[in-house]
Amino acid sequence: MCNKNKEPLGNGFTVNVSDIHRFNTDTIILANFAMPKKHENVIDIGTGCGTMPLIWCREEAGKHITAVDIQTDACELLKSSIADNNLQDKISVINDDIMNLNSSNYAGAFDLAVCNPPYKPAGTGIVNSNIGKTTARHERNITIDDIAMCANHLLRFGGRFCLCQRPERLSDVISAFRNADIEPKRLRFVQQRLDKAPKLFLIEGKRGAQKSGLVVLPTLFIEDINSNDFSDEMKKIYGIYKYK
């Protein structure tokens, strides 16, 4: 197992991370955007070190969370975090390829699916020599189309699917959603500050929903326009993790 370090998430919750499996601002933003309702069964596709499930538990969100990752070392990190936080009854870990969940055992089992996917298509950008980092950053093992089709299988009718991605992949994501009968319903862009182009978007779709009806939410600005500090909204999103 890779060397691990413990990082605080607030309210006494911690997450074990490594040089390969860590979390960043995108993870925090997506966890907030996709915050589960208390009654929902949730699946986190490609969970990494499991930061989003731990944040949701910190917020007492979701009924039960299933975290899936193909990388054994990532799953071991999350299992250690589950033990540290005494969350054995709240989070289940599956160390497997998400494509292997396309069985009747998981069909329609979830109210919410969430994924922070690889941002770069296979064959593009600089490929890291570390397989774990390459898997996290490039569509090496799975594409956005594969992920959307898996979400369709895993979600109940009307279930929600949330993910984040780079703006240049927006058309790819919407196409993948619709091909999987997941209709985009909420879209939000994220900008570092006012004078910069969006660096990220957050999107939510619903399985089997009627076409059209996409709501574009106000842009989320990470930095305050008048200072070098986070914006007020980002402070609220970071919340107890960073400011209390």
C-alpha atoms as a PDB file:
ATOM      1  CA  MET A   1       0.000   0.000   0.000  1.00  0.00           C
ATOM      2  CA  CYS A   2       1.169   3.547  -0.747  1.00  0.00           C
ATOM      3  CA  ASN A   3       2.286   5.834   2.059  1.00  0.00           C
ATOM      4  CA  LYS A   4      -0.617   7.766   3.501  1.00  0.00           C
ATOM      5  CA  ASN A   5      -1.149  11.075   5.261  1.00  0.00           C
ATOM      6  CA  LYS A   6      -4.189  12.151   7.218  1.00  0.00           C
ATOM      7  CA  GLU A   7      -5.898  15.440   6.369  1.00  0.00           C
ATOM      8  CA  PRO A   8      -8.741  17.076   8.332  1.00  0.00           C
ATOM      9  CA  LEU A   9     -12.161  17.619   6.726  1.00  0.00           C
ATOM     10  CA  GLY A  10     -13.756  19.419   9.660  1.00  0.00           C
ATOM     11  CA  ASN A  11     -16.125  18.306  12.447  1.00  0.00           C
ATOM     12  CA  GLY A  12     -13.556  15.725  13.478  1.00  0.00           C
ATOM     13  CA  PHE A  13     -13.645  13.923  10.116  1.00  0.00           C
ATOM     14  CA  THR A  14     -10.388  13.034   8.372  1.00  0.00           C
ATOM     15  CA  VAL A  15      -9.349  11.578   5.017  1.00  0.00           C
ATOM     16  CA  ASN A  16      -6.258   9.517   4.259  1.00  0.00           C
ATOM     17  CA  VAL A  17      -4.426  10.678   1.136  1.00  0.00           C
ATOM     18  CA  SER A  18      -1.221   9.756  -0.686  1.00  0.00           C
ATOM     19  CA  ASP A  19       1.048  11.299  -3.293  1.00  0.00           C
ATOM     20  CA  ILE A  20      -1.064   9.592  -5.960  1.00  0.00           C
ATOM     21  CA  HIS A  21      -4.582   9.803  -4.504  1.00  0.00           C
ATOM     22  CA  ARG A  22      -5.457  13.240  -3.205  1.00  0.00           C
ATOM     23  CA  PHE A  23      -8.297  15.745  -3.504  1.00  0.00           C
ATOM     24  CA  ASN A  24      -8.483  19.308  -4.770  1.00  0.00           C
ATOM     25  CA  THR A  25     -10.872  22.227  -5.086  1.00  0.00           C
ATOM     26  CA  ASP A  26     -12.818  20.499  -7.871  1.00  0.00           C
ATOM     27  CA  THR A  27     -13.583  17.633  -5.478  1.00  0.00           C
ATOM     28  CA  ILE A  28     -14.938  19.999  -2.820  1.00  0.00           C
ATOM     29  CA  ILE A  29     -17.045  21.921  -5.342  1.00  0.00           C
ATOM     30  CA  LEU A  30     -18.557  18.777  -6.877  1.00  0.00           C
ATOM     31  CA  ALA A  31     -19.326  17.297  -3.459  1.00  0.00           C
ATOM     32  CA  ASN A  32     -21.266  20.460  -2.632  1.00  0.00           C
ATOM     33  CA  PHE A  33     -23.062  20.631  -6.001  1.00  0.00           C
ATOM     34  CA  ALA A  34     -24.150  16.984  -5.771  1.00  0.00           C
ATOM     35  CA  MET A  35     -24.989  16.991  -2.051  1.00  0.00           C
ATOM     36  CA  PRO A  36     -27.270  13.954  -1.485  1.00  0.00           C
ATOM     37  CA  LYS A  37     -30.638  14.142   0.190  1.00  0.00           C
ATOM     38  CA  LYS A  38     -30.889  12.284   3.480  1.00  0.00           C
ATOM     39  CA  HIS A  39     -32.956   9.407   2.047  1.00  0.00           C
ATOM     40  CA  GLU A  40     -30.819   8.804  -1.049  1.00  0.00           C
ATOM     41  CA  ASN A  41     -28.643   5.817  -1.831  1.00  0.00           C
ATOM     42  CA  VAL A  42     -25.543   7.165  -3.562  1.00  0.00           C
ATOM     43  CA  ILE A  43     -22.757   5.754  -5.718  1.00  0.00           C
ATOM     44  CA  ASP A  44     -19.454   7.586  -6.220  1.00  0.00           C
ATOM     45  CA  ILE A  45     -17.900   6.384  -9.488  1.00  0.00           C
ATOM     46  CA  GLY A  46     -14.094   6.526  -9.418  1.00  0.00           C
ATOM     47  CA  THR A  47     -13.959   7.574  -5.786  1.00  0.00           C
ATOM     48  CA  GLY A  48     -10.152   7.805  -5.449  1.00  0.00           C
ATOM     49  CA  CYS A  49      -9.318   8.310  -1.782  1.00  0.00           C
ATOM     50  CA  GLY A  50     -13.039   8.806  -1.066  1.00  0.00           C
ATOM     51  CA  THR A  51     -13.136  12.478  -0.132  1.00  0.00           C
ATOM     52  CA  MET A  52     -16.659  13.085  -1.439  1.00  0.00           C
ATOM     53  CA  PRO A  53     -18.279  10.227   0.529  1.00  0.00           C
ATOM     54  CA  LEU A  54     -16.511  11.449   3.656  1.00  0.00           C
ATOM     55  CA  ILE A  55     -17.704  15.031   3.108  1.00  0.00           C
ATOM     56  CA  TRP A  56     -21.268  13.803   2.642  1.00  0.00           C
ATOM     57  CA  CYS A  57     -21.027  11.814   5.868  1.00  0.00           C
ATOM     58  CA  ARG A  58     -19.688  14.891   7.623  1.00  0.00           C
ATOM     59  CA  GLU A  59     -22.819  16.730   6.450  1.00  0.00           C
ATOM     60  CA  GLU A  60     -25.059  13.772   7.436  1.00  0.00           C
ATOM     61  CA  ALA A  61     -26.165  13.564   3.795  1.00  0.00           C
ATOM     62  CA  GLY A  62     -27.303  10.410   2.061  1.00  0.00           C
ATOM     63  CA  LYS A  63     -28.707   7.156   3.424  1.00  0.00           C
ATOM     64  CA  HIS A  64     -25.875   4.899   2.241  1.00  0.00           C
ATOM     65  CA  ILE A  65     -22.887   5.556  -0.033  1.00  0.00           C
ATOM     66  CA  THR A  66     -21.207   3.015  -2.307  1.00  0.00           C
ATOM     67  CA  ALA A  67     -17.728   4.061  -3.433  1.00  0.00           C
ATOM     68  CA  VAL A  68     -16.205   2.359  -6.474  1.00  0.00           C
ATOM     69  CA  ASP A  69     -12.662   2.502  -7.819  1.00  0.00           C
ATOM     70  CA  ILE A  70     -10.593   0.253 -10.053  1.00  0.00           C
ATOM     71  CA  GLN A  71      -7.370   1.068  -8.184  1.00  0.00           C
ATOM     72  CA  THR A  72      -6.686  -1.124  -5.170  1.00  0.00           C
ATOM     73  CA  ASP A  73      -4.443   1.386  -3.385  1.00  0.00           C
ATOM     74  CA  ALA A  74      -7.154   4.054  -3.612  1.00  0.00           C
ATOM     75  CA  CYS A  75      -9.718   1.679  -2.121  1.00  0.00           C
ATOM     76  CA  GLU A  76      -7.350   0.746   0.690  1.00  0.00           C
ATOM     77  CA  LEU A  77      -6.932   4.427   1.541  1.00  0.00           C
ATOM     78  CA  LEU A  78     -10.679   4.878   1.734  1.00  0.00           C
ATOM     79  CA  LYS A  79     -11.132   1.744   3.820  1.00  0.00           C
ATOM     80  CA  SER A  80      -8.622   3.130   6.318  1.00  0.00           C
ATOM     81  CA  SER A  81     -10.529   6.446   6.398  1.00  0.00           C
ATOM     82  CA  ILE A  82     -13.813   4.594   6.955  1.00  0.00           C
ATOM     83  CA  ALA A  83     -12.265   2.800   9.938  1.00  0.00           C
ATOM     84  CA  ASP A  84     -10.743   6.018  11.307  1.00  0.00           C
ATOM     85  CA  ASN A  85     -14.120   7.780  11.130  1.00  0.00           C
ATOM     86  CA  ASN A  86     -16.206   4.778  12.240  1.00  0.00           C
ATOM     87  CA  LEU A  87     -18.321   4.856   9.077  1.00  0.00           C
ATOM     88  CA  GLN A  88     -18.501   1.115   8.380  1.00  0.00           C
ATOM     89  CA  ASP A  89     -22.320   1.234   8.343  1.00  0.00           C
ATOM     90  CA  LYS A  90     -22.482   4.296   6.060  1.00  0.00           C
ATOM     91  CA  ILE A  91     -19.922   3.662   3.280  1.00  0.00           C
ATOM     92  CA  SER A  92     -19.297   0.498   1.254  1.00  0.00           C
ATOM     93  CA  VAL A  93     -16.227   0.131  -0.966  1.00  0.00           C
ATOM     94  CA  ILE A  94     -16.101  -1.824  -4.230  1.00  0.00           C
ATOM     95  CA  ASN A  95     -12.644  -2.354  -5.734  1.00  0.00           C
ATOM     96  CA  ASP A  96     -13.604  -3.116  -9.332  1.00  0.00           C
ATOM     97  CA  ASP A  97     -14.047  -1.732 -12.817  1.00  0.00           C
ATOM     98  CA  ILE A  98     -17.312   0.215 -12.890  1.00  0.00           C
ATOM     99  CA  MET A  99     -18.196  -1.639 -16.103  1.00  0.00           C
ATOM    100  CA  ASN A 100     -18.426  -4.841 -14.057  1.00  0.00           C
ATOM    101  CA  LEU A 101     -21.346  -3.354 -12.126  1.00  0.00           C
ATOM    102  CA  ASN A 102     -23.553  -3.720 -15.204  1.00  0.00           C
ATOM    103  CA  SER A 103     -25.437  -6.622 -13.671  1.00  0.00           C
ATOM    104  CA  SER A 104     -28.959  -7.078 -12.386  1.00  0.00           C
ATOM    105  CA  ASN A 105     -27.666  -6.801  -8.795  1.00  0.00           C
ATOM    106  CA  TYR A 106     -27.102  -3.070  -9.214  1.00  0.00           C
ATOM    107  CA  ALA A 107     -29.742  -2.140 -11.795  1.00  0.00           C
ATOM    108  CA  GLY A 108     -31.724   0.853 -10.551  1.00  0.00           C
ATOM    109  CA  ALA A 109     -30.205   0.543  -7.077  1.00  0.00           C
ATOM    110  CA  PHE A 110     -29.219   4.201  -6.639  1.00  0.00           C
ATOM    111  CA  ASP A 111     -30.946   7.564  -6.374  1.00  0.00           C
ATOM    112  CA  LEU A 112     -27.784   9.538  -7.123  1.00  0.00           C
ATOM    113  CA  ALA A 113     -24.585   8.793  -9.042  1.00  0.00           C
ATOM    114  CA  VAL A 114     -21.608  11.159  -8.895  1.00  0.00           C
ATOM    115  CA  CYS A 115     -18.340  11.127 -10.817  1.00  0.00           C
ATOM    116  CA  ASN A 116     -15.243  13.318 -10.922  1.00  0.00           C
ATOM    117  CA  PRO A 117     -13.989  11.746 -14.175  1.00  0.00           C
ATOM    118  CA  PRO A 118     -10.683  11.870 -16.021  1.00  0.00           C
ATOM    119  CA  TYR A 119     -10.623  15.239 -17.757  1.00  0.00           C
ATOM    120  CA  LYS A 120      -8.511  14.370 -20.807  1.00  0.00           C
ATOM    121  CA  PRO A 121      -9.445  12.021 -23.657  1.00  0.00           C
ATOM    122  CA  ALA A 122      -7.030   9.166 -24.301  1.00  0.00           C
ATOM    123  CA  GLY A 123      -4.134  10.185 -26.529  1.00  0.00           C
ATOM    124  CA  THR A 124      -4.181  13.870 -25.564  1.00  0.00           C
ATOM    125  CA  GLY A 125      -2.022  15.978 -23.257  1.00  0.00           C
ATOM    126  CA  ILE A 126       1.081  14.943 -21.358  1.00  0.00           C
ATOM    127  CA  VAL A 127       0.795  11.422 -19.974  1.00  0.00           C
ATOM    128  CA  ASN A 128       2.169  10.926 -16.465  1.00  0.00           C
ATOM    129  CA  SER A 129       4.533   7.991 -16.024  1.00  0.00           C
ATOM    130  CA  ASN A 130       2.637   6.941 -12.885  1.00  0.00           C
ATOM    131  CA  ILE A 131      -0.245   4.650 -13.877  1.00  0.00           C
ATOM    132  CA  GLY A 132      -2.417   5.817 -10.968  1.00  0.00           C
ATOM    133  CA  LYS A 133      -2.129   9.478 -11.930  1.00  0.00           C
ATOM    134  CA  THR A 134      -2.676   8.661 -15.612  1.00  0.00           C
ATOM    135  CA  THR A 135      -5.835   6.720 -14.754  1.00  0.00           C
ATOM    136  CA  ALA A 136      -7.165   9.692 -12.773  1.00  0.00           C
ATOM    137  CA  ARG A 137      -6.386  12.265 -15.489  1.00  0.00           C
ATOM    138  CA  HIS A 138      -6.904  10.503 -18.818  1.00  0.00           C
ATOM    139  CA  GLU A 139      -9.678   8.293 -20.178  1.00  0.00           C
ATOM    140  CA  ARG A 140      -7.298   5.352 -20.081  1.00  0.00           C
ATOM    141  CA  ASN A 141      -9.716   2.706 -18.820  1.00  0.00           C
ATOM    142  CA  ILE A 142     -13.113   4.329 -19.335  1.00  0.00           C
ATOM    143  CA  THR A 143     -14.689   7.122 -21.407  1.00  0.00           C
ATOM    144  CA  ILE A 144     -17.380   9.652 -20.545  1.00  0.00           C
ATOM    145  CA  ASP A 145     -19.773   7.617 -22.734  1.00  0.00           C
ATOM    146  CA  ASP A 146     -19.010   4.491 -20.688  1.00  0.00           C
ATOM    147  CA  ILE A 147     -19.557   6.362 -17.431  1.00  0.00           C
ATOM    148  CA  ALA A 148     -22.900   7.787 -18.579  1.00  0.00           C
ATOM    149  CA  MET A 149     -24.145   4.366 -19.699  1.00  0.00           C
ATOM    150  CA  CYS A 150     -23.111   2.895 -16.339  1.00  0.00           C
ATOM    151  CA  ALA A 151     -24.983   5.684 -14.560  1.00  0.00           C
ATOM    152  CA  ASN A 152     -28.081   4.890 -16.602  1.00  0.00           C
ATOM    153  CA  HIS A 153     -27.874   1.268 -15.473  1.00  0.00           C
ATOM    154  CA  LEU A 154     -27.216   2.085 -11.825  1.00  0.00           C
ATOM    155  CA  LEU A 155     -29.844   4.812 -11.378  1.00  0.00           C
ATOM    156  CA  ARG A 156     -33.528   4.357 -10.734  1.00  0.00           C
ATOM    157  CA  PHE A 157     -35.891   6.106 -13.159  1.00  0.00           C
ATOM    158  CA  GLY A 158     -35.656   9.821 -12.341  1.00  0.00           C
ATOM    159  CA  GLY A 159     -32.373   9.340 -10.504  1.00  0.00           C
ATOM    160  CA  ARG A 160     -29.732  12.075 -10.700  1.00  0.00           C
ATOM    161  CA  PHE A 161     -26.258  11.949 -12.206  1.00  0.00           C
ATOM    162  CA  CYS A 162     -23.737  14.695 -11.350  1.00  0.00           C
ATOM    163  CA  LEU A 163     -20.214  15.261 -12.592  1.00  0.00           C
ATOM    164  CA  CYS A 164     -17.639  17.966 -13.234  1.00  0.00           C
ATOM    165  CA  GLN A 165     -15.509  18.418 -16.338  1.00  0.00           C
ATOM    166  CA  ARG A 166     -13.463  20.968 -18.276  1.00  0.00           C
ATOM    167  CA  PRO A 167     -15.482  23.403 -20.447  1.00  0.00           C
ATOM    168  CA  GLU A 168     -13.944  22.095 -23.669  1.00  0.00           C
ATOM    169  CA  ARG A 169     -15.665  18.740 -22.964  1.00  0.00           C
ATOM    170  CA  LEU A 170     -19.172  20.204 -22.518  1.00  0.00           C
ATOM    171  CA  SER A 171     -20.490  18.984 -25.880  1.00  0.00           C
ATOM    172  CA  ASP A 172     -18.998  15.523 -25.224  1.00  0.00           C
ATOM    173  CA  VAL A 173     -20.728  15.332 -21.848  1.00  0.00           C
ATOM    174  CA  ILE A 174     -24.147  16.479 -23.059  1.00  0.00           C
ATOM    175  CA  SER A 175     -23.940  14.031 -25.975  1.00  0.00           C
ATOM    176  CA  ALA A 176     -22.952  11.193 -23.613  1.00  0.00           C
ATOM    177  CA  PHE A 177     -25.775  12.054 -21.205  1.00  0.00           C
ATOM    178  CA  ARG A 178     -28.434  12.057 -23.908  1.00  0.00           C
ATOM    179  CA  ASN A 179     -27.141   8.858 -25.529  1.00  0.00           C
ATOM    180  CA  ALA A 180     -27.562   7.248 -22.097  1.00  0.00           C
ATOM    181  CA  ASP A 181     -31.100   8.642 -21.639  1.00  0.00           C
ATOM    182  CA  ILE A 182     -29.906  11.071 -18.984  1.00  0.00           C
ATOM    183  CA  GLU A 183     -31.277  14.534 -19.669  1.00  0.00           C
ATOM    184  CA  PRO A 184     -29.148  17.522 -18.524  1.00  0.00           C
ATOM    185  CA  LYS A 185     -31.142  19.631 -16.060  1.00  0.00           C
ATOM    186  CA  ARG A 186     -28.641  21.815 -14.156  1.00  0.00           C
ATOM    187  CA  LEU A 187     -25.435  23.409 -15.415  1.00  0.00           C
ATOM    188  CA  ARG A 188     -23.011  25.684 -13.595  1.00  0.00           C
ATOM    189  CA  PHE A 189     -19.699  27.141 -14.713  1.00  0.00           C
ATOM    190  CA  VAL A 190     -16.800  27.768 -12.330  1.00  0.00           C
ATOM    191  CA  GLN A 191     -14.333  30.629 -12.825  1.00  0.00           C
ATOM    192  CA  GLN A 192     -11.227  31.483 -10.858  1.00  0.00           C
ATOM    193  CA  ARG A 193     -12.165  35.166 -11.014  1.00  0.00           C
ATOM    194  CA  LEU A 194     -14.122  37.645 -13.126  1.00  0.00           C
ATOM    195  CA  ASP A 195     -11.389  38.285 -15.727  1.00  0.00           C
ATOM    196  CA  LYS A 196     -10.759  34.587 -16.419  1.00  0.00           C
ATOM    197  CA  ALA A 197     -12.633  32.135 -18.620  1.00  0.00           C
ATOM    198  CA  PRO A 198     -14.460  29.248 -16.895  1.00  0.00           C
ATOM    199  CA  LYS A 199     -12.133  26.446 -15.779  1.00  0.00           C
ATOM    200  CA  LEU A 200     -14.766  23.880 -14.878  1.00  0.00           C
ATOM    201  CA  PHE A 201     -18.432  23.091 -15.213  1.00  0.00           C
ATOM    202  CA  LEU A 202     -20.800  21.149 -12.981  1.00  0.00           C
ATOM    203  CA  ILE A 203     -23.723  19.317 -14.531  1.00  0.00           C
ATOM    204  CA  GLU A 204     -26.668  17.297 -13.270  1.00  0.00           C
ATOM    205  CA  GLY A 205     -28.897  15.093 -15.392  1.00  0.00           C
ATOM    206  CA  LYS A 206     -31.933  12.944 -14.662  1.00  0.00           C
ATOM    207  CA  ARG A 207     -32.434   9.449 -15.985  1.00  0.00           C
ATOM    208  CA  GLY A 208     -35.482   9.170 -18.248  1.00  0.00           C
ATOM    209  CA  ALA A 209     -36.484  12.834 -17.916  1.00  0.00           C
ATOM    210  CA  GLN A 210     -38.195  14.751 -20.692  1.00  0.00           C
ATOM    211  CA  LYS A 211     -35.985  16.603 -23.162  1.00  0.00           C
ATOM    212  CA  SER A 212     -35.211  20.318 -22.619  1.00  0.00           C
ATOM    213  CA  GLY A 213     -35.539  22.273 -19.383  1.00  0.00           C
ATOM    214  CA  LEU A 214     -31.816  22.844 -18.734  1.00  0.00           C
ATOM    215  CA  VAL A 215     -31.284  25.494 -16.038  1.00  0.00           C
ATOM    216  CA  VAL A 216     -27.997  27.422 -16.220  1.00  0.00           C
ATOM    217  CA  LEU A 217     -27.088  28.565 -12.711  1.00  0.00           C
ATOM    218  CA  PRO A 218     -25.075  31.688 -11.863  1.00  0.00           C
ATOM    219  CA  THR A 219     -21.324  31.289 -12.295  1.00  0.00           C
ATOM    220  CA  LEU A 220     -19.379  30.218  -9.228  1.00  0.00           C
ATOM    221  CA  PHE A 221     -16.361  32.500  -8.704  1.00  0.00           C
ATOM    222  CA  ILE A 222     -13.560  30.981  -6.674  1.00  0.00           C
ATOM    223  CA  GLU A 223     -11.819  34.260  -5.824  1.00  0.00           C
ATOM    224  CA  ASP A 224     -13.237  37.538  -4.596  1.00  0.00           C
ATOM    225  CA  ILE A 225     -12.897  40.312  -7.186  1.00  0.00           C
ATOM    226  CA  ASN A 226     -11.579  42.807  -4.625  1.00  0.00           C
ATOM    227  CA  SER A 227      -9.060  40.616  -2.823  1.00  0.00           C
ATOM    228  CA  ASN A 228      -6.818  37.604  -3.133  1.00  0.00           C
ATOM    229  CA  ASP A 229      -9.111  35.656  -0.824  1.00  0.00           C
ATOM    230  CA  PHE A 230     -11.831  33.159  -1.676  1.00  0.00           C
ATOM    231  CA  SER A 231     -15.247  34.530  -2.606  1.00  0.00           C
ATOM    232  CA  ASP A 232     -17.957  34.463   0.050  1.00  0.00           C
ATOM    233  CA  GLU A 233     -19.634  31.526  -1.704  1.00  0.00           C
ATOM    234  CA  MET A 234     -16.409  29.538  -1.835  1.00  0.00           C
ATOM    235  CA  LYS A 235     -15.925  30.173   1.883  1.00  0.00           C
ATOM    236  CA  LYS A 236     -19.389  28.710   2.470  1.00  0.00           C
ATOM    237  CA  ILE A 237     -18.586  25.704   0.275  1.00  0.00           C
ATOM    238  CA  TYR A 238     -15.283  25.074   2.031  1.00  0.00           C
ATOM    239  CA  GLY A 239     -17.060  25.713   5.314  1.00  0.00           C
ATOM    240  CA  ILE A 240     -15.722  23.891   8.329  1.00  0.00           C
ATOM    241  CA  TYR A 241     -13.041  22.191   6.242  1.00  0.00           C
ATOM    242  CA  LYS A 242     -11.035  25.366   5.807  1.00  0.00           C
ATOM    243  CA  TYR A 243     -12.530  28.175   7.869  1.00  0.00           C
ATOM    244  CA  LYS A 244     -13.523  26.700  11.214  1.00  0.00           C
END
